[in-house]
Amino acid sequence: MKTESVWDYPRPPRLEKTSRRIRVVQDGVTIVDTTAAFRVLETSHPPVYYVPPAAVASGALRRSASRGSFCEFKGVASYWDLVKASGVVRDVAWSYARPSRAFEAIADYLAFYASRVDECWVDDELVIPQEGDFYGGWITKDIVGPFKGGTGTWGW
């Protein structure tokens, strides 16, 4: 297996299409299953996977009223809540309705925080969430760090 060091990823970040199978599971229910995702690669961060809106189970998400954010590379992000039978999980995903030119391909695509849902998978591997919950990267055995996001890494 070939490994990728996050320190070889570029800044500004690079967007690339991936055919790897991306799944998101909550309460035993698969809410995303696609091989039509993109990933964003940025220095010091594990990949962030963006899935097409059509790959998200109908009714699983609703737009969050609680927050928004700005990325210097992608633009203004909106956040999404997960709606489930037992309640709502806030801000599990984010998207860019009008991203910058370099990221136009992911307009309205959704990225999920692996730490805010039960399971995220890349192919048949359960993802480890990027520490810190700010960046939302997905760590798999083929991605090596150290990773930005944890305590003491903000100044990197």
Foldseek 3Di string as FASTA:
>chain_A
DAADELQPAAPVKAKDWFQWWKWFDAPNDTQFTGRGWIWIRYRQFAIWIWAAPVRGHPPQKDWDPPDWDADPQWGIKTFIWGQDPVGIQGRQKIAACHTPPNPRVRHRTITGQCVRGDFMDGRNFTWDGDEQSPPRHTDDPRYDHNHARHPPRPVD
